[in-house]
Amino acid sequence: PSENTHFEILLFVFILAIYVKTVYPTISGGDSGELVVSACNLGAAHPPGYPTWTLLTALAIRVPIGASPAWLANLMSCVLDAAASTLICLTVHKRTKNVFAGILAAGLFSFSPTIWLYAVRSD
């Protein structure tokens, strides 16, 4: 792996660690309960149903680590949002040839209030 790959892994782990520290321990309200139940039963939530999210969450909640399905669904949101932040960093870095621009873009995305809220809960 290149030096940049190590940097990207560190960025992902850093963002994920902050999200995990603030993850909701259970159902957060809103559509969260309905969506987690849909993933548990492999059913469909209200339209549009979010089939990709439901399938990914159905896999995530079956990880045998002894946590509740709600917490595992919330954790999956943390992982996916940290991955999105890392992809933003990669894209901006590649387009601008400036690693600091990538870090700034990832930071502004990751820690904006709305993104952070949806990163730590399953809705």
N, C-alpha and C. Protein backbone atom coordinates (compact mmCIF):
# COMPACT_ATOMS: atom_id res chain seq x y z
N PRO A 1 0.82 -1.20 0.00
CA PRO A 1 0.00 0.00 0.00
C PRO A 1 0.86 1.26 0.00
N SER A 2 0.34 2.27 -0.65
CA SER A 2 1.08 3.53 -0.71
C SER A 2 0.93 4.30 0.60
N GLU A 3 1.72 5.36 0.70
CA GLU A 3 1.65 6.19 1.90
C GLU A 3 0.26 6.81 2.06
N ASN A 4 -0.37 7.17 0.93
CA ASN A 4 -1.71 7.74 0.98
C ASN A 4 -2.72 6.75 1.54
N THR A 5 -2.55 5.47 1.23
CA THR A 5 -3.48 4.47 1.73
C THR A 5 -3.46 4.44 3.25
N HIS A 6 -2.28 4.55 3.84
CA HIS A 6 -2.19 4.57 5.30
C HIS A 6 -2.89 5.81 5.85
N PHE A 7 -2.72 6.93 5.18
CA PHE A 7 -3.36 8.16 5.61
C PHE A 7 -4.88 8.02 5.57
N GLU A 8 -5.38 7.43 4.51
CA GLU A 8 -6.82 7.28 4.35
C GLU A 8 -7.39 6.33 5.41
N ILE A 9 -6.66 5.29 5.73
CA ILE A 9 -7.10 4.37 6.77
C ILE A 9 -7.14 5.09 8.11
N LEU A 10 -6.12 5.90 8.39
CA LEU A 10 -6.11 6.66 9.65
C LEU A 10 -7.27 7.65 9.71
N LEU A 11 -7.56 8.30 8.60
CA LEU A 11 -8.67 9.24 8.55
C LEU A 11 -9.98 8.51 8.84
N PHE A 12 -10.19 7.37 8.18
CA PHE A 12 -11.39 6.58 8.40
C PHE A 12 -11.52 6.17 9.87
N VAL A 13 -10.44 5.67 10.45
CA VAL A 13 -10.46 5.22 11.85
C VAL A 13 -10.73 6.40 12.79
N PHE A 14 -10.12 7.54 12.51
CA PHE A 14 -10.32 8.72 13.35
C PHE A 14 -11.79 9.16 13.35
N ILE A 15 -12.36 9.28 12.16
CA ILE A 15 -13.76 9.71 12.06
C ILE A 15 -14.68 8.66 12.69
N LEU A 16 -14.41 7.39 12.40
CA LEU A 16 -15.23 6.32 12.96
C LEU A 16 -15.17 6.32 14.49
N ALA A 17 -14.00 6.54 15.05
CA ALA A 17 -13.86 6.55 16.50
C ALA A 17 -14.70 7.66 17.13
N ILE A 18 -14.73 8.81 16.51
CA ILE A 18 -15.54 9.91 17.05
C ILE A 18 -17.03 9.58 16.93
N TYR A 19 -17.42 9.03 15.79
CA TYR A 19 -18.82 8.64 15.63
C TYR A 19 -19.23 7.57 16.64
N VAL A 20 -18.39 6.56 16.82
CA VAL A 20 -18.72 5.47 17.74
C VAL A 20 -18.83 5.99 19.17
N LYS A 21 -18.00 6.96 19.51
CA LYS A 21 -18.06 7.55 20.86
C LYS A 21 -19.41 8.22 21.12
N THR A 22 -20.06 8.69 20.05
CA THR A 22 -21.32 9.42 20.21
C THR A 22 -22.52 8.67 19.64
N VAL A 23 -22.37 7.39 19.32
CA VAL A 23 -23.45 6.62 18.71
C VAL A 23 -24.62 6.44 19.67
N TYR A 24 -25.81 6.45 19.14
CA TYR A 24 -26.99 6.21 19.95
C TYR A 24 -26.96 4.76 20.44
N PRO A 25 -27.27 4.50 21.69
CA PRO A 25 -27.23 3.13 22.20
C PRO A 25 -28.45 2.30 21.81
N THR A 26 -29.51 2.95 21.38
CA THR A 26 -30.75 2.24 21.07
C THR A 26 -31.51 3.01 19.99
N ILE A 27 -32.79 2.77 19.88
CA ILE A 27 -33.63 3.45 18.90
C ILE A 27 -33.65 4.94 19.22
N SER A 28 -33.50 5.75 18.16
CA SER A 28 -33.36 7.19 18.39
C SER A 28 -34.65 7.96 18.20
N GLY A 29 -35.68 7.36 17.70
CA GLY A 29 -36.91 8.08 17.41
C GLY A 29 -37.06 8.25 15.91
N GLY A 30 -38.08 8.94 15.50
CA GLY A 30 -38.32 9.11 14.08
C GLY A 30 -38.61 7.77 13.42
N ASP A 31 -38.00 7.52 12.28
CA ASP A 31 -38.20 6.27 11.54
C ASP A 31 -37.28 5.15 12.01
N SER A 32 -36.45 5.43 12.97
CA SER A 32 -35.43 4.47 13.39
C SER A 32 -36.01 3.12 13.78
N GLY A 33 -37.02 3.11 14.61
CA GLY A 33 -37.62 1.86 15.06
C GLY A 33 -38.19 1.04 13.92
N GLU A 34 -38.92 1.70 13.05
CA GLU A 34 -39.51 1.02 11.89
C GLU A 34 -38.44 0.44 10.98
N LEU A 35 -37.38 1.19 10.76
CA LEU A 35 -36.32 0.73 9.86
C LEU A 35 -35.55 -0.44 10.45
N VAL A 36 -35.27 -0.41 11.75
CA VAL A 36 -34.56 -1.51 12.39
C VAL A 36 -35.42 -2.78 12.38
N VAL A 37 -36.71 -2.64 12.66
CA VAL A 37 -37.61 -3.79 12.62
C VAL A 37 -37.67 -4.36 11.20
N SER A 38 -37.70 -3.50 10.20
CA SER A 38 -37.71 -3.97 8.81
C SER A 38 -36.44 -4.77 8.50
N ALA A 39 -35.32 -4.32 9.02
CA ALA A 39 -34.07 -5.05 8.80
C ALA A 39 -34.07 -6.38 9.56
N CYS A 40 -34.61 -6.39 10.76
CA CYS A 40 -34.67 -7.63 11.54
C CYS A 40 -35.53 -8.69 10.85
N ASN A 41 -36.62 -8.25 10.24
CA ASN A 41 -37.57 -9.17 9.61
C ASN A 41 -37.38 -9.30 8.11
N LEU A 42 -36.40 -8.57 7.57
CA LEU A 42 -36.20 -8.49 6.12
C LEU A 42 -37.50 -8.08 5.43
N GLY A 43 -38.17 -7.13 6.02
CA GLY A 43 -39.42 -6.61 5.46
C GLY A 43 -39.16 -5.29 4.76
N ALA A 44 -40.23 -4.61 4.45
CA ALA A 44 -40.14 -3.32 3.78
C ALA A 44 -40.70 -2.24 4.70
N ALA A 45 -39.94 -1.18 4.81
CA ALA A 45 -40.43 -0.02 5.58
C ALA A 45 -41.39 0.77 4.68
N HIS A 46 -41.86 1.88 5.18
CA HIS A 46 -42.74 2.73 4.38
C HIS A 46 -42.03 3.12 3.07
N PRO A 47 -42.79 3.48 2.04
CA PRO A 47 -42.16 3.84 0.77
C PRO A 47 -41.15 4.96 0.97
N PRO A 48 -40.02 4.91 0.34
CA PRO A 48 -39.59 4.00 -0.72
C PRO A 48 -39.04 2.66 -0.23
N GLY A 49 -38.99 2.41 1.04
CA GLY A 49 -38.60 1.11 1.57
C GLY A 49 -37.13 0.94 1.84
N TYR A 50 -36.25 1.71 1.21
CA TYR A 50 -34.82 1.66 1.45
C TYR A 50 -34.25 0.23 1.39
N PRO A 51 -34.40 -0.45 0.25
CA PRO A 51 -33.99 -1.86 0.18
C PRO A 51 -32.50 -2.08 0.39
N THR A 52 -31.66 -1.22 -0.11
CA THR A 52 -30.21 -1.40 0.09
C THR A 52 -29.87 -1.25 1.56
N TRP A 53 -30.41 -0.21 2.19
CA TRP A 53 -30.15 0.00 3.61
C TRP A 53 -30.67 -1.18 4.42
N THR A 54 -31.85 -1.67 4.08
CA THR A 54 -32.44 -2.79 4.82
C THR A 54 -31.56 -4.04 4.71
N LEU A 55 -31.08 -4.34 3.52
CA LEU A 55 -30.24 -5.53 3.34
C LEU A 55 -28.90 -5.39 4.06
N LEU A 56 -28.27 -4.23 3.95
CA LEU A 56 -27.00 -4.01 4.65
C LEU A 56 -27.19 -4.09 6.17
N THR A 57 -28.26 -3.51 6.65
CA THR A 57 -28.53 -3.54 8.08
C THR A 57 -28.89 -4.94 8.54
N ALA A 58 -29.60 -5.69 7.72
CA ALA A 58 -29.92 -7.08 8.06
C ALA A 58 -28.65 -7.88 8.26
N LEU A 59 -27.63 -7.63 7.45
CA LEU A 59 -26.33 -8.28 7.64
C LEU A 59 -25.65 -7.78 8.91
N ALA A 60 -25.67 -6.48 9.11
CA ALA A 60 -24.97 -5.88 10.26
C ALA A 60 -25.55 -6.35 11.59
N ILE A 61 -26.87 -6.47 11.68
CA ILE A 61 -27.47 -6.83 12.97
C ILE A 61 -27.30 -8.30 13.29
N ARG A 62 -26.81 -9.06 12.33
CA ARG A 62 -26.57 -10.48 12.57
C ARG A 62 -25.13 -10.79 12.95
N VAL A 63 -24.32 -9.75 13.12
CA VAL A 63 -22.95 -9.93 13.59
C VAL A 63 -23.02 -10.38 15.05
N PRO A 64 -22.43 -11.51 15.37
CA PRO A 64 -22.60 -12.08 16.72
C PRO A 64 -21.65 -11.45 17.76
N ILE A 65 -21.93 -10.21 18.15
CA ILE A 65 -21.08 -9.58 19.16
C ILE A 65 -21.87 -9.27 20.43
N GLY A 66 -23.09 -9.74 20.52
CA GLY A 66 -23.85 -9.59 21.75
C GLY A 66 -24.48 -8.24 21.97
N ALA A 67 -24.55 -7.41 20.93
CA ALA A 67 -25.16 -6.09 21.07
C ALA A 67 -26.59 -6.14 20.54
N SER A 68 -27.36 -5.12 20.88
CA SER A 68 -28.74 -5.07 20.41
C SER A 68 -28.78 -4.77 18.92
N PRO A 69 -29.83 -5.20 18.23
CA PRO A 69 -29.95 -4.88 16.80
C PRO A 69 -29.95 -3.37 16.54
N ALA A 70 -30.54 -2.60 17.43
CA ALA A 70 -30.57 -1.14 17.25
C ALA A 70 -29.16 -0.56 17.29
N TRP A 71 -28.36 -1.01 18.26
CA TRP A 71 -27.00 -0.49 18.36
C TRP A 71 -26.17 -0.91 17.16
N LEU A 72 -26.34 -2.14 16.70
CA LEU A 72 -25.60 -2.60 15.52
C LEU A 72 -26.01 -1.83 14.27
N ALA A 73 -27.30 -1.51 14.14
CA ALA A 73 -27.76 -0.70 13.01
C ALA A 73 -27.16 0.70 13.08
N ASN A 74 -27.13 1.27 14.27
CA ASN A 74 -26.52 2.59 14.45
C ASN A 74 -25.02 2.54 14.14
N LEU A 75 -24.36 1.47 14.56
CA LEU A 75 -22.94 1.31 14.27
C LEU A 75 -22.69 1.21 12.78
N MET A 76 -23.58 0.51 12.07
CA MET A 76 -23.43 0.43 10.62
C MET A 76 -23.52 1.82 9.99
N SER A 77 -24.39 2.66 10.49
CA SER A 77 -24.47 4.03 9.99
C SER A 77 -23.16 4.77 10.23
N CYS A 78 -22.55 4.54 11.39
CA CYS A 78 -21.25 5.16 11.68
C CYS A 78 -20.20 4.73 10.66
N VAL A 79 -20.15 3.45 10.39
CA VAL A 79 -19.14 2.91 9.45
C VAL A 79 -19.37 3.47 8.05
N LEU A 80 -20.61 3.49 7.60
CA LEU A 80 -20.90 3.97 6.25
C LEU A 80 -20.63 5.46 6.11
N ASP A 81 -20.95 6.24 7.13
CA ASP A 81 -20.67 7.68 7.06
C ASP A 81 -19.18 7.97 7.14
N ALA A 82 -18.45 7.20 7.93
CA ALA A 82 -16.99 7.37 7.97
C ALA A 82 -16.39 7.01 6.62
N ALA A 83 -16.92 5.99 5.97
CA ALA A 83 -16.45 5.62 4.64
C ALA A 83 -16.77 6.71 3.62
N ALA A 84 -17.95 7.30 3.72
CA ALA A 84 -18.31 8.40 2.82
C ALA A 84 -17.37 9.59 3.02
N SER A 85 -17.03 9.89 4.25
CA SER A 85 -16.10 10.98 4.53
C SER A 85 -14.73 10.71 3.91
N THR A 86 -14.29 9.47 4.02
CA THR A 86 -13.00 9.09 3.45
C THR A 86 -13.04 9.21 1.93
N LEU A 87 -14.13 8.81 1.32
CA LEU A 87 -14.25 8.95 -0.13
C LEU A 87 -14.26 10.41 -0.56
N ILE A 88 -14.90 11.26 0.22
CA ILE A 88 -14.87 12.69 -0.07
C ILE A 88 -13.45 13.21 -0.02
N CYS A 89 -12.71 12.81 1.01
CA CYS A 89 -11.31 13.22 1.14
C CYS A 89 -10.51 12.76 -0.07
N LEU A 90 -10.67 11.51 -0.46
CA LEU A 90 -9.95 10.97 -1.61
C LEU A 90 -10.27 11.73 -2.89
N THR A 91 -11.55 12.01 -3.09
CA THR A 91 -11.97 12.70 -4.31
C THR A 91 -11.40 14.11 -4.37
N VAL A 92 -11.54 14.85 -3.28
CA VAL A 92 -11.03 16.23 -3.26
C VAL A 92 -9.51 16.24 -3.39
N HIS A 93 -8.83 15.33 -2.71
CA HIS A 93 -7.38 15.24 -2.79
C HIS A 93 -6.94 14.95 -4.22
N LYS A 94 -7.62 14.02 -4.88
CA LYS A 94 -7.27 13.66 -6.25
C LYS A 94 -7.53 14.81 -7.21
N ARG A 95 -8.63 15.51 -7.04
CA ARG A 95 -8.99 16.60 -7.96
C ARG A 95 -8.15 17.85 -7.75
N THR A 96 -7.78 18.13 -6.50
CA THR A 96 -7.06 19.37 -6.21
C THR A 96 -5.56 19.16 -6.04
N LYS A 97 -5.15 17.90 -5.89
CA LYS A 97 -3.73 17.56 -5.61
C LYS A 97 -3.27 18.17 -4.28
N ASN A 98 -4.22 18.41 -3.38
CA ASN A 98 -3.93 19.03 -2.10
C ASN A 98 -4.56 18.18 -1.00
N VAL A 99 -3.73 17.50 -0.23
CA VAL A 99 -4.23 16.62 0.82
C VAL A 99 -4.99 17.40 1.89
N PHE A 100 -4.57 18.63 2.16
CA PHE A 100 -5.25 19.43 3.18
C PHE A 100 -6.65 19.83 2.75
N ALA A 101 -6.84 20.04 1.45
CA ALA A 101 -8.19 20.31 0.95
C ALA A 101 -9.08 19.10 1.16
N GLY A 102 -8.53 17.92 0.94
CA GLY A 102 -9.29 16.69 1.18
C GLY A 102 -9.67 16.52 2.64
N ILE A 103 -8.72 16.79 3.53
CA ILE A 103 -8.99 16.69 4.96
C ILE A 103 -10.06 17.70 5.37
N LEU A 104 -9.95 18.91 4.86
CA LEU A 104 -10.94 19.94 5.18
C LEU A 104 -12.32 19.53 4.70
N ALA A 105 -12.41 19.05 3.47
CA ALA A 105 -13.70 18.63 2.92
C ALA A 105 -14.30 17.49 3.75
N ALA A 106 -13.47 16.51 4.09
CA ALA A 106 -13.95 15.39 4.90
C ALA A 106 -14.39 15.86 6.28
N GLY A 107 -13.65 16.76 6.88
CA GLY A 107 -14.00 17.29 8.20
C GLY A 107 -15.28 18.09 8.17
N LEU A 108 -15.42 18.95 7.17
CA LEU A 108 -16.64 19.75 7.07
C LEU A 108 -17.86 18.87 6.85
N PHE A 109 -17.69 17.82 6.04
CA PHE A 109 -18.79 16.89 5.83
C PHE A 109 -19.08 16.11 7.10
N SER A 110 -18.07 15.46 7.65
CA SER A 110 -18.25 14.53 8.77
C SER A 110 -18.86 15.18 10.00
N PHE A 111 -18.43 16.39 10.28
CA PHE A 111 -18.80 17.01 11.55
C PHE A 111 -19.80 18.14 11.40
N SER A 112 -20.43 18.22 10.21
CA SER A 112 -21.55 19.15 10.11
C SER A 112 -22.70 18.56 10.93
N PRO A 113 -23.49 19.39 11.58
CA PRO A 113 -24.48 18.87 12.52
C PRO A 113 -25.44 17.83 11.93
N THR A 114 -25.95 18.05 10.74
CA THR A 114 -26.92 17.12 10.17
C THR A 114 -26.29 15.79 9.83
N ILE A 115 -25.12 15.80 9.20
CA ILE A 115 -24.44 14.56 8.84
C ILE A 115 -24.09 13.78 10.10
N TRP A 116 -23.53 14.47 11.09
CA TRP A 116 -23.15 13.78 12.33
C TRP A 116 -24.37 13.13 12.99
N LEU A 117 -25.48 13.85 13.02
CA LEU A 117 -26.71 13.31 13.61
C LEU A 117 -27.13 12.02 12.93
N TYR A 118 -27.13 12.00 11.60
CA TYR A 118 -27.56 10.81 10.88
C TYR A 118 -26.47 9.73 10.84
N ALA A 119 -25.25 10.10 11.13
CA ALA A 119 -24.16 9.11 11.16
C ALA A 119 -24.22 8.24 12.40
N VAL A 120 -24.80 8.73 13.45
CA VAL A 120 -24.78 8.01 14.72
C VAL A 120 -26.11 7.38 15.08
N ARG A 121 -27.03 7.38 14.14
CA ARG A 121 -28.32 6.74 14.39
C ARG A 121 -28.85 6.12 13.10
N SER A 122 -29.74 5.20 13.22
CA SER A 122 -30.21 4.46 12.06
C SER A 122 -31.52 5.01 11.53
N ASP A 123 -31.45 6.22 11.01
CA ASP A 123 -32.64 6.72 10.31
C ASP A 123 -32.36 7.72 9.29
